[in-house]
Amino acid sequence: MPIIVNNAFKVTRKDLGSGNELCMIEVEEIDAGLKACLDEKFIRICEGNSGADLPYVKNRLISFLATKKGTNIETGAIAEFFIHTYLNEAGFEPQFLFFNLEERSIKKGFDGYYLHQREEWFVESKSGSITTDGISHRGKIKESYDDLKDKLAGGATNNPWLNAYNHASHMDVKADATVREHIKAFTKAYEKKTFHDIADFNIIPGSTIFLDGGWVAPDMAALEIAINELITGFDFKKIRVLCTTKKSIQLFWDYLNST
């Protein structure tokens, strides 16, 4: 049976053993519970402890997304925002800001860096439309995993750790001191071409599929089998897989434009 997390997210959680988990999230509507959760987490996700008010931060995100309408950036940003909202609601502590620090974008090196029960976790998220031929949560989780593995192994154009360190050091993030020390060490190692194996890290690969405005509930049993088979070929310290099925992109726009 689906588990309701604080009356906000409809999520079916499956224990994969050894601290690993599959979370299958359904967003058919933004009801009062989910809207309250988004309102509560919005500023923290975007700006940390900036002290800004919600209308201002909402307008900042609206301004960014309005320039990306109809693009993969719009799709990815909205998908990622819901993943961050869920993780914040589930007790994960963000060590970064949703917005990039240097420009009006959301590019951060890694999609997310979290602390949870004294353990550090990486997020990488991929998304797409149900109208895309061959799209599946399995395929998007594989993309997320491969992208994160490549970044850790030195495949990124720029040092992703440096961006993560800048975020963790921002005064409005209030990141854990140990986390900053770890990221700083990884930053220096990366500059020296000393890269890392994904098997040494806790990872959260995410997948979001946007439906075309209609609602078809995902086949949870089939999805669980597909993800279980997939991750047998993954390396990780621990893993939490997030698969989100969302009715439409417009749902988030309706929320952004609400009071």
Protein backbone atom coordinates (compact mmCIF):
# COMPACT_ATOMS: atom_id res chain seq x y z
CA MET A 1 0.00 0.00 0.00
CA PRO A 2 1.23 3.54 -0.70
CA ILE A 3 2.67 5.32 2.32
CA ILE A 4 1.76 8.97 2.83
CA VAL A 5 4.77 10.94 4.05
CA ASN A 6 3.50 13.76 6.30
CA ASN A 7 0.33 13.94 4.17
CA ALA A 8 2.40 15.47 1.34
CA PHE A 9 3.73 12.81 -1.02
CA LYS A 10 2.07 9.63 -2.19
CA VAL A 11 5.02 7.27 -2.21
CA THR A 12 5.40 3.52 -2.28
CA ARG A 13 8.62 2.61 -0.50
CA LYS A 14 10.35 -0.74 -0.92
CA ASP A 15 13.17 -1.89 1.32
CA LEU A 16 15.96 -3.30 -0.85
CA GLY A 17 18.03 -4.40 2.14
CA SER A 18 21.31 -3.15 3.65
CA GLY A 19 20.00 0.41 3.98
CA ASN A 20 18.95 0.59 0.32
CA GLU A 21 15.50 1.69 -0.80
CA LEU A 22 13.25 2.22 -3.82
CA CYS A 23 10.77 5.10 -3.60
CA MET A 24 8.04 5.26 -6.24
CA ILE A 25 6.31 8.65 -6.08
CA GLU A 26 3.02 9.60 -7.72
CA VAL A 27 2.05 13.24 -8.31
CA GLU A 28 -1.41 13.26 -9.85
CA GLU A 29 -2.29 16.61 -8.33
CA ILE A 30 -0.89 19.25 -6.01
CA ASP A 31 -3.44 19.01 -3.24
CA ALA A 32 -3.51 21.01 -0.01
CA GLY A 33 -0.99 18.76 1.72
CA LEU A 34 1.58 18.86 -1.08
CA LYS A 35 1.07 22.61 -1.60
CA ALA A 36 1.74 23.21 2.09
CA CYS A 37 4.90 21.10 1.85
CA LEU A 38 6.12 22.99 -1.22
CA ASP A 39 5.42 26.32 0.48
CA GLU A 40 7.29 25.21 3.59
CA LYS A 41 10.38 23.88 1.78
CA PHE A 42 10.54 26.34 -1.13
CA ILE A 43 12.82 29.00 0.34
CA ARG A 44 15.15 26.49 1.97
CA ILE A 45 15.57 24.58 -1.30
CA CYS A 46 16.19 27.66 -3.43
CA GLU A 47 18.03 30.05 -1.10
CA GLY A 48 18.75 28.23 2.15
CA ASN A 49 18.50 30.47 5.20
CA SER A 50 18.38 33.70 3.20
CA GLY A 51 15.45 35.18 5.09
CA ALA A 52 13.67 35.99 1.83
CA ASP A 53 9.88 35.77 1.57
CA LEU A 54 8.05 33.13 -0.45
CA PRO A 55 6.56 35.40 -3.18
CA TYR A 56 10.01 36.81 -3.95
CA VAL A 57 11.66 33.39 -4.27
CA LYS A 58 8.76 32.01 -6.30
CA ASN A 59 9.07 34.94 -8.71
CA ARG A 60 12.78 34.31 -9.01
CA LEU A 61 12.13 30.74 -10.11
CA ILE A 62 9.29 31.81 -12.40
CA SER A 63 11.63 34.30 -14.12
CA PHE A 64 14.20 31.58 -14.71
CA LEU A 65 11.75 28.95 -15.96
CA ALA A 66 9.89 31.40 -18.21
CA THR A 67 13.02 31.74 -20.36
CA LYS A 68 13.26 27.94 -20.67
CA LYS A 69 9.66 27.12 -21.63
CA GLY A 70 9.41 24.01 -23.75
CA THR A 71 13.04 23.00 -23.25
CA ASN A 72 14.75 20.12 -21.49
CA ILE A 73 15.99 22.64 -18.93
CA GLU A 74 12.43 23.45 -17.89
CA THR A 75 11.57 19.76 -17.63
CA GLY A 76 14.74 18.94 -15.68
CA ALA A 77 14.39 21.86 -13.28
CA ILE A 78 10.81 21.04 -12.36
CA ALA A 79 11.60 17.34 -11.96
CA GLU A 80 14.61 18.12 -9.80
CA PHE A 81 12.64 20.54 -7.62
CA PHE A 82 10.16 17.82 -6.66
CA ILE A 83 12.97 15.42 -5.83
CA HIS A 84 14.52 18.01 -3.53
CA THR A 85 11.16 18.69 -1.92
CA TYR A 86 10.66 15.01 -1.21
CA LEU A 87 14.16 14.55 0.19
CA ASN A 88 13.81 17.62 2.42
CA GLU A 89 10.47 16.29 3.66
CA ALA A 90 12.09 12.90 4.33
CA GLY A 91 14.70 14.46 6.61
CA PHE A 92 17.66 14.88 4.25
CA GLU A 93 19.62 18.05 4.98
CA PRO A 94 20.69 19.98 1.84
CA GLN A 95 24.31 21.07 1.69
CA PHE A 96 23.70 23.24 -1.38
CA LEU A 97 21.29 25.68 -2.99
CA PHE A 98 18.96 24.85 -5.88
CA PHE A 99 20.18 27.88 -7.80
CA ASN A 100 23.71 28.15 -9.11
CA LEU A 101 25.73 30.81 -7.31
CA GLU A 102 27.41 32.35 -10.33
CA GLU A 103 24.61 32.76 -12.88
CA ARG A 104 20.87 32.58 -13.38
CA SER A 105 20.77 28.82 -13.75
CA ILE A 106 20.49 25.64 -11.69
CA LYS A 107 23.71 23.94 -12.80
CA LYS A 108 25.67 22.87 -9.72
CA GLY A 109 28.11 20.12 -10.71
CA PHE A 110 26.04 17.56 -8.81
CA ASP A 111 22.24 17.84 -8.74
CA GLY A 112 22.28 17.56 -4.97
CA TYR A 113 24.51 16.87 -1.98
CA TYR A 114 22.75 15.86 1.23
CA LEU A 115 23.47 14.84 4.78
CA HIS A 116 21.19 12.24 6.38
CA GLN A 117 21.83 10.62 9.74
CA ARG A 118 25.50 11.62 9.49
CA GLU A 119 25.88 10.05 6.05
CA GLU A 120 26.56 12.02 2.87
CA TRP A 121 24.48 11.38 -0.25
CA PHE A 122 24.73 12.46 -3.91
CA VAL A 123 21.72 13.11 -6.14
CA GLU A 124 21.62 12.90 -9.91
CA SER A 125 18.29 13.29 -11.69
CA LYS A 126 17.06 12.65 -15.24
CA SER A 127 13.61 13.29 -16.64
CA GLY A 128 11.49 13.25 -19.75
CA SER A 129 8.04 13.11 -21.29
CA ILE A 130 5.91 10.00 -21.69
CA THR A 131 5.62 10.99 -25.37
CA THR A 132 9.30 10.15 -25.89
CA ASP A 133 9.73 6.81 -27.63
CA GLY A 134 11.05 4.11 -25.34
CA ILE A 135 11.11 6.25 -22.19
CA SER A 136 11.07 4.37 -18.90
CA HIS A 137 12.03 4.89 -15.27
CA ARG A 138 14.56 2.10 -15.70
CA GLY A 139 16.24 3.96 -18.55
CA LYS A 140 16.30 7.29 -16.72
CA ILE A 141 17.72 5.72 -13.55
CA LYS A 142 20.47 4.16 -15.67
CA GLU A 143 21.20 7.59 -17.20
CA SER A 144 21.37 9.19 -13.74
CA TYR A 145 23.70 6.50 -12.44
CA ASP A 146 26.00 6.64 -15.48
CA ASP A 147 26.21 10.44 -15.31
CA LEU A 148 27.11 10.43 -11.62
CA LYS A 149 29.64 7.62 -12.10
CA ASP A 150 31.25 9.55 -14.95
CA LYS A 151 31.52 12.76 -12.91
CA LEU A 152 33.15 10.98 -9.98
CA ALA A 153 35.58 9.24 -12.32
CA GLY A 154 36.81 12.52 -13.83
CA GLY A 155 34.57 12.74 -16.88
CA ALA A 156 33.16 16.20 -16.12
CA THR A 157 34.43 19.21 -18.08
CA ASN A 158 34.80 21.21 -14.87
CA ASN A 159 35.59 20.06 -11.35
CA PRO A 160 32.14 19.21 -9.91
CA TRP A 161 33.56 19.14 -6.38
CA LEU A 162 34.59 22.80 -6.61
CA ASN A 163 31.03 23.86 -7.32
CA ALA A 164 29.79 21.63 -4.50
CA TYR A 165 32.33 23.21 -2.13
CA ASN A 166 31.28 26.73 -3.10
CA HIS A 167 27.66 25.82 -2.34
CA ALA A 168 28.52 24.14 0.97
CA SER A 169 30.55 27.21 1.98
CA HIS A 170 27.75 29.68 1.25
CA MET A 171 26.58 31.44 4.40
CA ASP A 172 22.91 30.71 3.68
CA VAL A 173 23.47 26.96 3.33
CA LYS A 174 24.95 26.43 6.80
CA ALA A 175 26.49 23.15 5.69
CA ASP A 176 27.99 20.71 8.17
CA ALA A 177 31.68 21.44 8.86
CA THR A 178 32.69 17.82 8.25
CA VAL A 179 30.88 17.83 4.93
CA ARG A 180 32.81 20.93 3.86
CA GLU A 181 36.08 19.29 4.86
CA HIS A 182 35.28 16.18 2.84
CA ILE A 183 34.24 18.16 -0.24
CA LYS A 184 37.35 20.34 -0.01
CA ALA A 185 39.57 17.26 0.08
CA PHE A 186 37.76 15.77 -2.92
CA THR A 187 38.12 19.10 -4.75
CA LYS A 188 41.89 19.12 -4.30
CA ALA A 189 42.17 15.47 -5.28
CA TYR A 190 40.18 16.06 -8.47
CA GLU A 191 42.48 18.91 -9.48
CA LYS A 192 45.39 16.49 -9.11
CA LYS A 193 43.61 13.97 -11.36
CA THR A 194 42.86 11.67 -8.45
CA PHE A 195 39.34 10.48 -9.13
CA HIS A 196 36.92 8.24 -7.28
CA ASP A 197 34.95 5.04 -7.61
CA ILE A 198 31.18 5.37 -7.27
CA ALA A 199 31.27 2.23 -5.11
CA ASP A 200 32.60 4.38 -2.25
CA PHE A 201 29.59 6.72 -2.16
CA ASN A 202 25.94 6.82 -1.11
CA ILE A 203 23.92 7.71 -4.19
CA ILE A 204 20.37 8.79 -5.06
CA PRO A 205 19.67 8.32 -8.78
CA GLY A 206 16.35 9.92 -9.70
CA SER A 207 13.92 9.50 -12.58
CA THR A 208 10.89 11.65 -13.39
CA ILE A 209 8.43 10.93 -16.17
CA PHE A 210 5.85 13.59 -17.00
CA LEU A 211 2.56 12.33 -18.37
CA ASP A 212 0.70 14.25 -21.05
CA GLY A 213 -1.99 15.73 -18.80
CA GLY A 214 -3.91 12.49 -18.28
CA TRP A 215 -3.31 10.16 -15.38
CA VAL A 216 -2.22 6.54 -15.66
CA ALA A 217 -0.97 5.07 -12.40
CA PRO A 218 2.42 3.35 -12.76
CA ASP A 219 2.64 -0.43 -12.46
CA MET A 220 4.44 -0.57 -9.13
CA ALA A 221 5.11 -4.32 -9.21
CA ALA A 222 6.67 -4.18 -12.69
CA LEU A 223 8.69 -1.09 -11.79
CA GLU A 224 10.05 -2.75 -8.65
CA ILE A 225 11.18 -5.78 -10.65
CA ALA A 226 12.82 -3.60 -13.33
CA ILE A 227 14.73 -1.47 -10.81
CA ASN A 228 15.83 -4.46 -8.76
CA GLU A 229 17.23 -6.10 -11.89
CA LEU A 230 18.91 -2.87 -12.97
CA ILE A 231 20.77 -2.08 -9.76
CA THR A 232 22.32 -5.54 -9.56
CA GLY A 233 24.77 -4.11 -12.10
CA PHE A 234 25.41 -0.90 -10.13
CA ASP A 235 28.25 -0.18 -7.74
CA PHE A 236 27.51 1.89 -4.64
CA LYS A 237 28.00 2.11 -0.92
CA LYS A 238 24.25 2.62 -0.39
CA ILE A 239 21.51 3.54 -2.84
CA ARG A 240 18.08 5.15 -2.73
CA VAL A 241 16.29 5.09 -6.06
CA LEU A 242 13.58 7.72 -6.65
CA CYS A 243 11.09 7.16 -9.47
CA THR A 244 8.51 9.94 -9.83
CA THR A 245 5.51 9.84 -12.15
CA LYS A 246 3.95 13.28 -12.55
CA LYS A 247 0.71 14.13 -14.34
CA SER A 248 2.14 17.15 -16.18
CA ILE A 249 4.63 19.99 -16.14
CA GLN A 250 1.68 22.39 -15.92
CA LEU A 251 0.92 21.23 -12.36
CA PHE A 252 4.04 23.01 -11.10
CA TRP A 253 3.30 26.14 -13.10
CA ASP A 254 -0.18 26.24 -11.57
CA TYR A 255 1.42 25.98 -8.15
CA LEU A 256 3.99 28.72 -8.90
CA ASN A 257 1.24 31.08 -10.00
CA SER A 258 -0.96 30.36 -6.98
CA THR A 259 -1.01 32.46 -3.86
